[in-house]
Amino acid sequence: MDDCLFCAIVAGTIPAEVVHETERTVAFRDIAPAAPVHVLVVPRTHVADASTVGPEHAEDLAAMVVAAREIAETEGIAAEERGYRLVFNVGRDSANSVPHLHLHVIGGRPMTWPPG
C-alpha cells in the first residue's frame, strides 16, 4: 500500500532499527517502547490487522510467531529465562495507530495485569 508506514519500512523507504528479517517478516524496534524490549514484527505483505486475517495468511502468521520467539531469544527475554508478551492490537480503542498487521514483542521487565 502506497500510504502505509509499515509497508514503507518493509520497502526500506523509511528508516527503522531493523533487528530481524525473514522471507516473510521484518521486525524493528518500536519508536515509543513500552518496555526495555519492544519490537514490532510485521508481515512483508500488507494485511490491515488481525480482524482481517484469513486462512490464506497462515504462513505469514506462523512466520511472525517464529520470528517473535527468535527475537526473544536474541534479546535475552526467552520464556525459560524471563518471559515476554506477544500482542496484536485491533482498532482504535486498542491504540492501534498503524493499519498494518503487527505483533508486539514486549519484555525486559515484569509485566502487570491488566496491561497498562
PDB file of N, CA and C in Angstrom:
ATOM      1  N   MET A   1       0.849  -1.184   0.000  1.00  0.00           N
ATOM      2  CA  MET A   1       0.000   0.000   0.000  1.00  0.00           C
ATOM      3  C   MET A   1       0.886   1.237   0.000  1.00  0.00           C
ATOM      4  N   ASP A   2       0.534   2.180  -0.816  1.00  0.00           N
ATOM      5  CA  ASP A   2       1.360   3.373  -1.004  1.00  0.00           C
ATOM      6  C   ASP A   2       1.466   4.254   0.236  1.00  0.00           C
ATOM      7  N   ASP A   3       0.406   4.318   1.039  1.00  0.00           N
ATOM      8  CA  ASP A   3       0.414   5.231   2.178  1.00  0.00           C
ATOM      9  C   ASP A   3       0.612   4.531   3.525  1.00  0.00           C
ATOM     10  N   CYS A   4       1.039   3.291   3.513  1.00  0.00           N
ATOM     11  CA  CYS A   4       1.213   2.532   4.754  1.00  0.00           C
ATOM     12  C   CYS A   4       2.634   2.709   5.287  1.00  0.00           C
ATOM     13  N   LEU A   5       2.742   3.195   6.505  1.00  0.00           N
ATOM     14  CA  LEU A   5       4.041   3.409   7.151  1.00  0.00           C
ATOM     15  C   LEU A   5       4.857   2.117   7.223  1.00  0.00           C
ATOM     16  N   PHE A   6       4.227   1.028   7.655  1.00  0.00           N
ATOM     17  CA  PHE A   6       4.978  -0.216   7.803  1.00  0.00           C
ATOM     18  C   PHE A   6       5.357  -0.817   6.456  1.00  0.00           C
ATOM     19  N   CYS A   7       4.538  -0.635   5.429  1.00  0.00           N
ATOM     20  CA  CYS A   7       4.928  -1.082   4.086  1.00  0.00           C
ATOM     21  C   CYS A   7       6.165  -0.316   3.620  1.00  0.00           C
ATOM     22  N   ALA A   8       6.242   0.973   3.972  1.00  0.00           N
ATOM     23  CA  ALA A   8       7.417   1.783   3.604  1.00  0.00           C
ATOM     24  C   ALA A   8       8.653   1.314   4.368  1.00  0.00           C
ATOM     25  N   ILE A   9       8.489   0.925   5.624  1.00  0.00           N
ATOM     26  CA  ILE A   9       9.623   0.382   6.383  1.00  0.00           C
ATOM     27  C   ILE A   9      10.074  -0.935   5.760  1.00  0.00           C
ATOM     28  N   VAL A  10       9.132  -1.808   5.416  1.00  0.00           N
ATOM     29  CA  VAL A  10       9.467  -3.080   4.770  1.00  0.00           C
ATOM     30  C   VAL A  10      10.212  -2.833   3.463  1.00  0.00           C
ATOM     31  N   ALA A  11       9.776  -1.824   2.705  1.00  0.00           N
ATOM     32  CA  ALA A  11      10.401  -1.499   1.417  1.00  0.00           C
ATOM     33  C   ALA A  11      11.747  -0.801   1.574  1.00  0.00           C
ATOM     34  N   GLY A  12      12.034  -0.305   2.781  1.00  0.00           N
ATOM     35  CA  GLY A  12      13.293   0.387   3.027  1.00  0.00           C
ATOM     36  C   GLY A  12      13.269   1.857   2.663  1.00  0.00           C
ATOM     37  N   THR A  13      12.092   2.416   2.386  1.00  0.00           N
ATOM     38  CA  THR A  13      11.998   3.834   2.038  1.00  0.00           C
ATOM     39  C   THR A  13      11.865   4.727   3.260  1.00  0.00           C
ATOM     40  N   ILE A  14      11.519   4.142   4.394  1.00  0.00           N
ATOM     41  CA  ILE A  14      11.505   4.852   5.678  1.00  0.00           C
ATOM     42  C   ILE A  14      12.426   4.071   6.607  1.00  0.00           C
ATOM     43  N   PRO A  15      13.371   4.766   7.253  1.00  0.00           N
ATOM     44  CA  PRO A  15      14.321   4.043   8.108  1.00  0.00           C
ATOM     45  C   PRO A  15      13.677   3.529   9.393  1.00  0.00           C
ATOM     46  N   ALA A  16      14.205   2.424   9.876  1.00  0.00           N
ATOM     47  CA  ALA A  16      13.804   1.843  11.153  1.00  0.00           C
ATOM     48  C   ALA A  16      14.980   1.021  11.654  1.00  0.00           C
ATOM     49  N   GLU A  17      14.994   0.772  12.962  1.00  0.00           N
ATOM     50  CA  GLU A  17      16.038  -0.074  13.531  1.00  0.00           C
ATOM     51  C   GLU A  17      15.610  -1.534  13.391  1.00  0.00           C
ATOM     52  N   VAL A  18      15.914  -2.109  12.244  1.00  0.00           N
ATOM     53  CA  VAL A  18      15.538  -3.490  11.949  1.00  0.00           C
ATOM     54  C   VAL A  18      16.424  -4.428  12.757  1.00  0.00           C
ATOM     55  N   VAL A  19      15.774  -5.372  13.454  1.00  0.00           N
ATOM     56  CA  VAL A  19      16.516  -6.316  14.295  1.00  0.00           C
ATOM     57  C   VAL A  19      16.417  -7.750  13.802  1.00  0.00           C
ATOM     58  N   HIS A  20      15.515  -8.011  12.854  1.00  0.00           N
ATOM     59  CA  HIS A  20      15.312  -9.382  12.385  1.00  0.00           C
ATOM     60  C   HIS A  20      14.573  -9.322  11.052  1.00  0.00           C
ATOM     61  N   GLU A  21      14.985 -10.168  10.121  1.00  0.00           N
ATOM     62  CA  GLU A  21      14.297 -10.261   8.835  1.00  0.00           C
ATOM     63  C   GLU A  21      14.239 -11.705   8.384  1.00  0.00           C
ATOM     64  N   THR A  22      13.126 -12.062   7.763  1.00  0.00           N
ATOM     65  CA  THR A  22      12.985 -13.355   7.115  1.00  0.00           C
ATOM     66  C   THR A  22      12.354 -13.113   5.752  1.00  0.00           C
ATOM     67  N   GLU A  23      12.138 -14.178   5.030  1.00  0.00           N
ATOM     68  CA  GLU A  23      11.487 -14.083   3.731  1.00  0.00           C
ATOM     69  C   GLU A  23      10.083 -13.496   3.860  1.00  0.00           C
ATOM     70  N   ARG A  24       9.412 -13.742   4.985  1.00  0.00           N
ATOM     71  CA  ARG A  24       8.027 -13.308   5.172  1.00  0.00           C
ATOM     72  C   ARG A  24       7.846 -12.139   6.137  1.00  0.00           C
ATOM     73  N   THR A  25       8.867 -11.838   6.962  1.00  0.00           N
ATOM     74  CA  THR A  25       8.684 -10.837   8.009  1.00  0.00           C
ATOM     75  C   THR A  25       9.840  -9.847   8.087  1.00  0.00           C
ATOM     76  N   VAL A  26       9.526  -8.702   8.696  1.00  0.00           N
ATOM     77  CA  VAL A  26      10.529  -7.709   9.080  1.00  0.00           C
ATOM     78  C   VAL A  26      10.189  -7.314  10.514  1.00  0.00           C
ATOM     79  N   ALA A  27      11.208  -7.204  11.361  1.00  0.00           N
ATOM     80  CA  ALA A  27      10.994  -6.804  12.755  1.00  0.00           C
ATOM     81  C   ALA A  27      11.893  -5.623  13.074  1.00  0.00           C
ATOM     82  N   PHE A  28      11.315  -4.647  13.765  1.00  0.00           N
ATOM     83  CA  PHE A  28      12.052  -3.427  14.094  1.00  0.00           C
ATOM     84  C   PHE A  28      11.610  -2.909  15.451  1.00  0.00           C
ATOM     85  N   ARG A  29      12.474  -2.104  16.068  1.00  0.00           N
ATOM     86  CA  ARG A  29      12.184  -1.564  17.399  1.00  0.00           C
ATOM     87  C   ARG A  29      11.058  -0.534  17.320  1.00  0.00           C
ATOM     88  N   ASP A  30      10.180  -0.578  18.309  1.00  0.00           N
ATOM     89  CA  ASP A  30       9.091   0.391  18.427  1.00  0.00           C
ATOM     90  C   ASP A  30       9.688   1.753  18.765  1.00  0.00           C
ATOM     91  N   ILE A  31       9.170   2.816  18.155  1.00  0.00           N
ATOM     92  CA  ILE A  31       9.718   4.157  18.417  1.00  0.00           C
ATOM     93  C   ILE A  31       9.236   4.732  19.750  1.00  0.00           C
ATOM     94  N   ALA A  32       8.220   4.131  20.348  1.00  0.00           N
ATOM     95  CA  ALA A  32       7.730   4.544  21.663  1.00  0.00           C
ATOM     96  C   ALA A  32       7.616   3.290  22.537  1.00  0.00           C
ATOM     97  N   PRO A  33       8.741   2.732  22.962  1.00  0.00           N
ATOM     98  CA  PRO A  33       8.713   1.437  23.640  1.00  0.00           C
ATOM     99  C   PRO A  33       7.986   1.465  24.980  1.00  0.00           C
ATOM    100  N   ALA A  34       7.232   0.386  25.229  1.00  0.00           N
ATOM    101  CA  ALA A  34       6.516   0.216  26.493  1.00  0.00           C
ATOM    102  C   ALA A  34       7.343  -0.573  27.505  1.00  0.00           C
ATOM    103  N   ALA A  35       8.499  -1.064  27.076  1.00  0.00           N
ATOM    104  CA  ALA A  35       9.379  -1.860  27.934  1.00  0.00           C
ATOM    105  C   ALA A  35      10.780  -1.803  27.335  1.00  0.00           C
ATOM    106  N   PRO A  36      11.787  -2.273  28.082  1.00  0.00           N
ATOM    107  CA  PRO A  36      13.150  -2.258  27.546  1.00  0.00           C
ATOM    108  C   PRO A  36      13.284  -2.961  26.193  1.00  0.00           C
ATOM    109  N   VAL A  37      12.535  -4.050  26.008  1.00  0.00           N
ATOM    110  CA  VAL A  37      12.475  -4.701  24.699  1.00  0.00           C
ATOM    111  C   VAL A  37      11.064  -4.499  24.166  1.00  0.00           C
ATOM    112  N   HIS A  38      10.958  -3.844  23.023  1.00  0.00           N
ATOM    113  CA  HIS A  38       9.659  -3.637  22.376  1.00  0.00           C
ATOM    114  C   HIS A  38       9.910  -3.609  20.873  1.00  0.00           C
ATOM    115  N   VAL A  39       9.649  -4.745  20.256  1.00  0.00           N
ATOM    116  CA  VAL A  39       9.907  -4.937  18.836  1.00  0.00           C
ATOM    117  C   VAL A  39       8.588  -5.249  18.141  1.00  0.00           C
ATOM    118  N   LEU A  40       8.410  -4.704  16.948  1.00  0.00           N
ATOM    119  CA  LEU A  40       7.233  -4.991  16.132  1.00  0.00           C
ATOM    120  C   LEU A  40       7.627  -5.952  15.020  1.00  0.00           C
ATOM    121  N   VAL A  41       6.855  -7.014  14.872  1.00  0.00           N
ATOM    122  CA  VAL A  41       7.064  -7.978  13.788  1.00  0.00           C
ATOM    123  C   VAL A  41       5.917  -7.798  12.807  1.00  0.00           C
ATOM    124  N   VAL A  42       6.254  -7.509  11.552  1.00  0.00           N
ATOM    125  CA  VAL A  42       5.231  -7.283  10.528  1.00  0.00           C
ATOM    126  C   VAL A  42       5.428  -8.252   9.375  1.00  0.00           C
ATOM    127  N   PRO A  43       4.323  -8.637   8.726  1.00  0.00           N
ATOM    128  CA  PRO A  43       4.477  -9.427   7.511  1.00  0.00           C
ATOM    129  C   PRO A  43       4.904  -8.498   6.366  1.00  0.00           C
ATOM    130  N   ARG A  44       5.668  -9.030   5.438  1.00  0.00           N
ATOM    131  CA  ARG A  44       6.065  -8.232   4.271  1.00  0.00           C
ATOM    132  C   ARG A  44       4.855  -7.888   3.399  1.00  0.00           C
ATOM    133  N   THR A  45       3.838  -8.728   3.451  1.00  0.00           N
ATOM    134  CA  THR A  45       2.602  -8.499   2.709  1.00  0.00           C
ATOM    135  C   THR A  45       1.674  -7.634   3.556  1.00  0.00           C
ATOM    136  N   HIS A  46       1.016  -6.670   2.933  1.00  0.00           N
ATOM    137  CA  HIS A  46       0.108  -5.803   3.691  1.00  0.00           C
ATOM    138  C   HIS A  46      -1.160  -6.564   4.075  1.00  0.00           C
ATOM    139  N   VAL A  47      -1.435  -6.561   5.376  1.00  0.00           N
ATOM    140  CA  VAL A  47      -2.672  -7.076   5.959  1.00  0.00           C
ATOM    141  C   VAL A  47      -3.099  -5.997   6.934  1.00  0.00           C
ATOM    142  N   ALA A  48      -4.349  -5.557   6.880  1.00  0.00           N
ATOM    143  CA  ALA A  48      -4.783  -4.407   7.680  1.00  0.00           C
ATOM    144  C   ALA A  48      -4.592  -4.622   9.179  1.00  0.00           C
ATOM    145  N   ASP A  49      -5.126  -5.693   9.731  1.00  0.00           N
ATOM    146  CA  ASP A  49      -4.963  -6.006  11.150  1.00  0.00           C
ATOM    147  C   ASP A  49      -5.470  -7.418  11.397  1.00  0.00           C
ATOM    148  N   ALA A  50      -5.432  -7.862  12.633  1.00  0.00           N
ATOM    149  CA  ALA A  50      -5.791  -9.244  12.953  1.00  0.00           C
ATOM    150  C   ALA A  50      -7.250  -9.561  12.632  1.00  0.00           C
ATOM    151  N   SER A  51      -8.107  -8.543  12.579  1.00  0.00           N
ATOM    152  CA  SER A  51      -9.513  -8.801  12.269  1.00  0.00           C
ATOM    153  C   SER A  51      -9.730  -9.172  10.809  1.00  0.00           C
ATOM    154  N   THR A  52      -8.741  -8.950   9.968  1.00  0.00           N
ATOM    155  CA  THR A  52      -8.867  -9.267   8.543  1.00  0.00           C
ATOM    156  C   THR A  52      -8.075 -10.511   8.150  1.00  0.00           C
ATOM    157  N   VAL A  53      -7.479 -11.180   9.123  1.00  0.00           N
ATOM    158  CA  VAL A  53      -6.675 -12.368   8.848  1.00  0.00           C
ATOM    159  C   VAL A  53      -7.585 -13.533   8.474  1.00  0.00           C
ATOM    160  N   GLY A  54      -7.181 -14.254   7.432  1.00  0.00           N
ATOM    161  CA  GLY A  54      -7.913 -15.440   6.997  1.00  0.00           C
ATOM    162  C   GLY A  54      -6.965 -16.603   6.822  1.00  0.00           C
ATOM    163  N   PRO A  55      -7.496 -17.738   6.401  1.00  0.00           N
ATOM    164  CA  PRO A  55      -6.654 -18.926   6.207  1.00  0.00           C
ATOM    165  C   PRO A  55      -5.493 -18.692   5.244  1.00  0.00           C
ATOM    166  N   GLU A  56      -5.671 -17.797   4.309  1.00  0.00           N
ATOM    167  CA  GLU A  56      -4.605 -17.501   3.352  1.00  0.00           C
ATOM    168  C   GLU A  56      -3.394 -16.827   3.991  1.00  0.00           C
ATOM    169  N   HIS A  57      -3.522 -16.365   5.229  1.00  0.00           N
ATOM    170  CA  HIS A  57      -2.427 -15.698   5.938  1.00  0.00           C
ATOM    171  C   HIS A  57      -1.698 -16.628   6.910  1.00  0.00           C
ATOM    172  N   ALA A  58      -2.030 -17.913   6.903  1.00  0.00           N
ATOM    173  CA  ALA A  58      -1.485 -18.858   7.884  1.00  0.00           C
ATOM    174  C   ALA A  58       0.043 -18.868   7.911  1.00  0.00           C
ATOM    175  N   GLU A  59       0.670 -18.901   6.748  1.00  0.00           N
ATOM    176  CA  GLU A  59       2.137 -18.966   6.716  1.00  0.00           C
ATOM    177  C   GLU A  59       2.762 -17.679   7.247  1.00  0.00           C
ATOM    178  N   ASP A  60       2.153 -16.533   6.943  1.00  0.00           N
ATOM    179  CA  ASP A  60       2.674 -15.263   7.483  1.00  0.00           C
ATOM    180  C   ASP A  60       2.538 -15.224   8.998  1.00  0.00           C
ATOM    181  N   LEU A  61       1.399 -15.672   9.528  1.00  0.00           N
ATOM    182  CA  LEU A  61       1.206 -15.667  10.983  1.00  0.00           C
ATOM    183  C   LEU A  61       2.194 -16.593  11.673  1.00  0.00           C
ATOM    184  N   ALA A  62       2.379 -17.768  11.122  1.00  0.00           N
ATOM    185  CA  ALA A  62       3.353 -18.690  11.715  1.00  0.00           C
ATOM    186  C   ALA A  62       4.748 -18.075  11.680  1.00  0.00           C
ATOM    187  N   ALA A  63       5.104 -17.441  10.569  1.00  0.00           N
ATOM    188  CA  ALA A  63       6.421 -16.803  10.456  1.00  0.00           C
ATOM    189  C   ALA A  63       6.572 -15.675  11.463  1.00  0.00           C
ATOM    190  N   MET A  64       5.495 -14.943  11.736  1.00  0.00           N
ATOM    191  CA  MET A  64       5.548 -13.853  12.717  1.00  0.00           C
ATOM    192  C   MET A  64       5.813 -14.396  14.117  1.00  0.00           C
ATOM    193  N   VAL A  65       5.146 -15.471  14.487  1.00  0.00           N
ATOM    194  CA  VAL A  65       5.325 -16.045  15.819  1.00  0.00           C
ATOM    195  C   VAL A  65       6.720 -16.660  15.964  1.00  0.00           C
ATOM    196  N   VAL A  66       7.201 -17.326  14.935  1.00  0.00           N
ATOM    197  CA  VAL A  66       8.556 -17.880  14.980  1.00  0.00           C
ATOM    198  C   VAL A  66       9.577 -16.749  15.089  1.00  0.00           C
ATOM    199  N   ALA A  67       9.389 -15.672  14.318  1.00  0.00           N
ATOM    200  CA  ALA A  67      10.295 -14.519  14.400  1.00  0.00           C
ATOM    201  C   ALA A  67      10.269 -13.928  15.808  1.00  0.00           C
ATOM    202  N   ALA A  68       9.087 -13.828  16.411  1.00  0.00           N
ATOM    203  CA  ALA A  68       8.971 -13.291  17.770  1.00  0.00           C
ATOM    204  C   ALA A  68       9.770 -14.123  18.754  1.00  0.00           C
ATOM    205  N   ARG A  69       9.676 -15.446  18.635  1.00  0.00           N
ATOM    206  CA  ARG A  69      10.442 -16.329  19.520  1.00  0.00           C
ATOM    207  C   ARG A  69      11.944 -16.128  19.329  1.00  0.00           C
ATOM    208  N   GLU A  70      12.383 -16.026  18.076  1.00  0.00           N
ATOM    209  CA  GLU A  70      13.797 -15.828  17.794  1.00  0.00           C
ATOM    210  C   GLU A  70      14.285 -14.482  18.329  1.00  0.00           C
ATOM    211  N   ILE A  71      13.462 -13.454  18.223  1.00  0.00           N
ATOM    212  CA  ILE A  71      13.803 -12.135  18.755  1.00  0.00           C
ATOM    213  C   ILE A  71      13.919 -12.206  20.274  1.00  0.00           C
ATOM    214  N   ALA A  72      12.966 -12.871  20.927  1.00  0.00           N
ATOM    215  CA  ALA A  72      13.012 -13.011  22.388  1.00  0.00           C
ATOM    216  C   ALA A  72      14.297 -13.710  22.820  1.00  0.00           C
ATOM    217  N   GLU A  73      14.691 -14.733  22.085  1.00  0.00           N
ATOM    218  CA  GLU A  73      15.939 -15.434  22.410  1.00  0.00           C
ATOM    219  C   GLU A  73      17.139 -14.511  22.238  1.00  0.00           C
ATOM    220  N   THR A  74      17.193 -13.799  21.124  1.00  0.00           N
ATOM    221  CA  THR A  74      18.304 -12.881  20.845  1.00  0.00           C
ATOM    222  C   THR A  74      18.381 -11.759  21.875  1.00  0.00           C
ATOM    223  N   GLU A  75      17.220 -11.261  22.309  1.00  0.00           N
ATOM    224  CA  GLU A  75      17.158 -10.139  23.248  1.00  0.00           C
ATOM    225  C   GLU A  75      17.318 -10.587  24.700  1.00  0.00           C
ATOM    226  N   GLY A  76      17.402 -11.898  24.946  1.00  0.00           N
ATOM    227  CA  GLY A  76      17.607 -12.400  26.301  1.00  0.00           C
ATOM    228  C   GLY A  76      16.367 -12.417  27.167  1.00  0.00           C
ATOM    229  N   ILE A  77      15.180 -12.476  26.545  1.00  0.00           N
ATOM    230  CA  ILE A  77      13.936 -12.495  27.324  1.00  0.00           C
ATOM    231  C   ILE A  77      13.119 -13.758  27.070  1.00  0.00           C
ATOM    232  N   ALA A  78      13.745 -14.773  26.481  1.00  0.00           N
ATOM    233  CA  ALA A  78      13.028 -16.009  26.161  1.00  0.00           C
ATOM    234  C   ALA A  78      12.368 -16.580  27.406  1.00  0.00           C
ATOM    235  N   ALA A  79      11.285 -17.278  27.231  1.00  0.00           N
ATOM    236  CA  ALA A  79      10.443 -17.746  28.335  1.00  0.00           C
ATOM    237  C   ALA A  79      11.212 -18.465  29.424  1.00  0.00           C
ATOM    238  N   GLU A  80      12.179 -19.305  29.065  1.00  0.00           N
ATOM    239  CA  GLU A  80      12.926 -20.031  30.079  1.00  0.00           C
ATOM    240  C   GLU A  80      13.742 -19.090  30.952  1.00  0.00           C
ATOM    241  N   GLU A  81      14.129 -17.962  30.398  1.00  0.00           N
ATOM    242  CA  GLU A  81      14.977 -17.024  31.128  1.00  0.00           C
ATOM    243  C   GLU A  81      14.155 -16.004  31.912  1.00  0.00           C
ATOM    244  N   ARG A  82      13.217 -15.338  31.227  1.00  0.00           N
ATOM    245  CA  ARG A  82      12.489 -14.250  31.870  1.00  0.00           C
ATOM    246  C   ARG A  82      11.030 -14.221  31.461  1.00  0.00           C
ATOM    247  N   GLY A  83      10.746 -14.314  30.186  1.00  0.00           N
ATOM    248  CA  GLY A  83       9.382 -14.243  29.678  1.00  0.00           C
ATOM    249  C   GLY A  83       9.119 -12.953  28.923  1.00  0.00           C
ATOM    250  N   TYR A  84       8.069 -12.982  28.124  1.00  0.00           N
ATOM    251  CA  TYR A  84       7.726 -11.837  27.294  1.00  0.00           C
ATOM    252  C   TYR A  84       6.252 -11.899  26.936  1.00  0.00           C
ATOM    253  N   ARG A  85       5.758 -10.823  26.390  1.00  0.00           N
ATOM    254  CA  ARG A  85       4.362 -10.724  25.995  1.00  0.00           C
ATOM    255  C   ARG A  85       4.304 -10.539  24.489  1.00  0.00           C
ATOM    256  N   LEU A  86       3.351 -11.245  23.839  1.00  0.00           N
ATOM    257  CA  LEU A  86       3.065 -11.057  22.425  1.00  0.00           C
ATOM    258  C   LEU A  86       1.670 -10.463  22.314  1.00  0.00           C
ATOM    259  N   VAL A  87       1.531  -9.361  21.543  1.00  0.00           N
ATOM    260  CA  VAL A  87       0.261  -8.643  21.484  1.00  0.00           C
ATOM    261  C   VAL A  87      -0.061  -8.253  20.051  1.00  0.00           C
ATOM    262  N   PHE A  88      -1.308  -8.543  19.643  1.00  0.00           N
ATOM    263  CA  PHE A  88      -1.894  -7.977  18.431  1.00  0.00           C
ATOM    264  C   PHE A  88      -2.940  -6.972  18.889  1.00  0.00           C
ATOM    265  N   ASN A  89      -2.883  -5.744  18.416  1.00  0.00           N
ATOM    266  CA  ASN A  89      -3.899  -4.744  18.711  1.00  0.00           C
ATOM    267  C   ASN A  89      -4.806  -4.594  17.498  1.00  0.00           C
ATOM    268  N   VAL A  90      -6.115  -4.453  17.755  1.00  0.00           N
ATOM    269  CA  VAL A  90      -7.086  -4.296  16.676  1.00  0.00           C
ATOM    270  C   VAL A  90      -7.975  -3.104  16.993  1.00  0.00           C
ATOM    271  N   GLY A  91      -7.975  -2.114  16.120  1.00  0.00           N
ATOM    272  CA  GLY A  91      -8.898  -0.986  16.240  1.00  0.00           C
ATOM    273  C   GLY A  91      -8.398   0.150  17.100  1.00  0.00           C
ATOM    274  N   ARG A  92      -9.127   1.242  17.027  1.00  0.00           N
ATOM    275  CA  ARG A  92      -8.763   2.487  17.704  1.00  0.00           C
ATOM    276  C   ARG A  92      -8.710   2.347  19.222  1.00  0.00           C
ATOM    277  N   ASP A  93      -9.661   1.640  19.820  1.00  0.00           N
ATOM    278  CA  ASP A  93      -9.681   1.507  21.281  1.00  0.00           C
ATOM    279  C   ASP A  93      -8.474   0.757  21.829  1.00  0.00           C
ATOM    280  N   SER A  94      -7.794   0.000  20.991  1.00  0.00           N
ATOM    281  CA  SER A  94      -6.606  -0.727  21.427  1.00  0.00           C
ATOM    282  C   SER A  94      -5.337   0.089  21.231  1.00  0.00           C
ATOM    283  N   ALA A  95      -5.479   1.316  20.721  1.00  0.00           N
ATOM    284  CA  ALA A  95      -4.351   2.194  20.410  1.00  0.00           C
ATOM    285  C   ALA A  95      -3.573   1.710  19.192  1.00  0.00           C
ATOM    286  N   ASN A  96      -4.265   1.001  18.286  1.00  0.00           N
ATOM    287  CA  ASN A  96      -3.628   0.560  17.045  1.00  0.00           C
ATOM    288  C   ASN A  96      -3.567   1.754  16.099  1.00  0.00           C
ATOM    289  N   SER A  97      -2.389   2.313  15.932  1.00  0.00           N
ATOM    290  CA  SER A  97      -2.256   3.545  15.153  1.00  0.00           C
ATOM    291  C   SER A  97      -1.771   3.331  13.720  1.00  0.00           C
ATOM    292  N   VAL A  98      -1.305   2.133  13.395  1.00  0.00           N
ATOM    293  CA  VAL A  98      -0.848   1.850  12.032  1.00  0.00           C
ATOM    294  C   VAL A  98      -1.642   0.662  11.503  1.00  0.00           C
ATOM    295  N   PRO A  99      -2.410   0.861  10.431  1.00  0.00           N
ATOM    296  CA  PRO A  99      -3.246  -0.215   9.902  1.00  0.00           C
ATOM    297  C   PRO A  99      -2.469  -1.201   9.033  1.00  0.00           C
ATOM    298  N   HIS A 100      -1.525  -1.881   9.655  1.00  0.00           N
ATOM    299  CA  HIS A 100      -0.759  -2.966   9.037  1.00  0.00           C
ATOM    300  C   HIS A 100      -0.542  -3.972  10.154  1.00  0.00           C
ATOM    301  N   LEU A 101      -0.940  -5.205   9.933  1.00  0.00           N
ATOM    302  CA  LEU A 101      -0.811  -6.236  10.955  1.00  0.00           C
ATOM    303  C   LEU A 101       0.582  -6.206  11.561  1.00  0.00           C
ATOM    304  N   HIS A 102       0.647  -6.170  12.890  1.00  0.00           N
ATOM    305  CA  HIS A 102       1.937  -6.213  13.566  1.00  0.00           C
ATOM    306  C   HIS A 102       1.781  -6.875  14.927  1.00  0.00           C
ATOM    307  N   LEU A 103       2.822  -7.612  15.269  1.00  0.00           N
ATOM    308  CA  LEU A 103       2.877  -8.343  16.528  1.00  0.00           C
ATOM    309  C   LEU A 103       3.906  -7.670  17.421  1.00  0.00           C
ATOM    310  N   HIS A 104       3.483  -7.209  18.590  1.00  0.00           N
ATOM    311  CA  HIS A 104       4.389  -6.596  19.555  1.00  0.00           C
ATOM    312  C   HIS A 104       5.083  -7.690  20.346  1.00  0.00           C
ATOM    313  N   VAL A 105       6.399  -7.613  20.451  1.00  0.00           N
ATOM    314  CA  VAL A 105       7.189  -8.476  21.323  1.00  0.00           C
ATOM    315  C   VAL A 105       7.679  -7.555  22.436  1.00  0.00           C
ATOM    316  N   ILE A 106       7.167  -7.765  23.651  1.00  0.00           N
ATOM    317  CA  ILE A 106       7.413  -6.835  24.758  1.00  0.00           C
ATOM    318  C   ILE A 106       7.993  -7.605  25.936  1.00  0.00           C
ATOM    319  N   GLY A 107       9.100  -7.099  26.484  1.00  0.00           N
ATOM    320  CA  GLY A 107       9.701  -7.754  27.640  1.00  0.00           C
ATOM    321  C   GLY A 107      10.853  -6.956  28.203  1.00  0.00           C
ATOM    322  N   GLY A 108      11.581  -7.588  29.098  1.00  0.00           N
ATOM    323  CA  GLY A 108      12.715  -6.930  29.730  1.00  0.00           C
ATOM    324  C   GLY A 108      12.377  -6.296  31.062  1.00  0.00           C
ATOM    325  N   ARG A 109      11.144  -6.478  31.494  1.00  0.00           N
ATOM    326  CA  ARG A 109      10.691  -6.022  32.813  1.00  0.00           C
ATOM    327  C   ARG A 109       9.470  -6.843  33.202  1.00  0.00           C
ATOM    328  N   PRO A 110       9.149  -6.930  34.481  1.00  0.00           N
ATOM    329  CA  PRO A 110       7.940  -7.633  34.870  1.00  0.00           C
ATOM    330  C   PRO A 110       6.705  -6.945  34.268  1.00  0.00           C
ATOM    331  N   MET A 111       5.804  -7.739  33.743  1.00  0.00           N
ATOM    332  CA  MET A 111       4.560  -7.228  33.166  1.00  0.00           C
ATOM    333  C   MET A 111       3.470  -7.174  34.239  1.00  0.00           C
ATOM    334  N   THR A 112       2.559  -6.265  34.074  1.00  0.00           N
ATOM    335  CA  THR A 112       1.434  -6.153  35.005  1.00  0.00           C
ATOM    336  C   THR A 112       0.168  -6.637  34.306  1.00  0.00           C
ATOM    337  N   TRP A 113      -0.831  -6.984  35.109  1.00  0.00           N
ATOM    338  CA  TRP A 113      -2.130  -7.318  34.557  1.00  0.00           C
ATOM    339  C   TRP A 113      -3.183  -6.643  35.385  1.00  0.00           C
ATOM    340  N   PRO A 114      -4.096  -5.930  34.817  1.00  0.00           N
ATOM    341  CA  PRO A 114      -4.222  -5.783  33.369  1.00  0.00           C
ATOM    342  C   PRO A 114      -3.098  -4.915  32.812  1.00  0.00           C
ATOM    343  N   PRO A 115      -2.837  -5.061  31.490  1.00  0.00           N
ATOM    344  CA  PRO A 115      -1.779  -4.272  30.862  1.00  0.00           C
ATOM    345  C   PRO A 115      -2.030  -2.784  31.069  1.00  0.00           C
ATOM    346  N   GLY A 116      -0.971  -2.050  31.137  1.00  0.00           N
ATOM    347  CA  GLY A 116      -1.189  -0.614  31.275  1.00  0.00           C
ATOM    348  C   GLY A 116       0.019   0.174  31.508  1.00  0.00           C
TER     349      GLY A 116
END
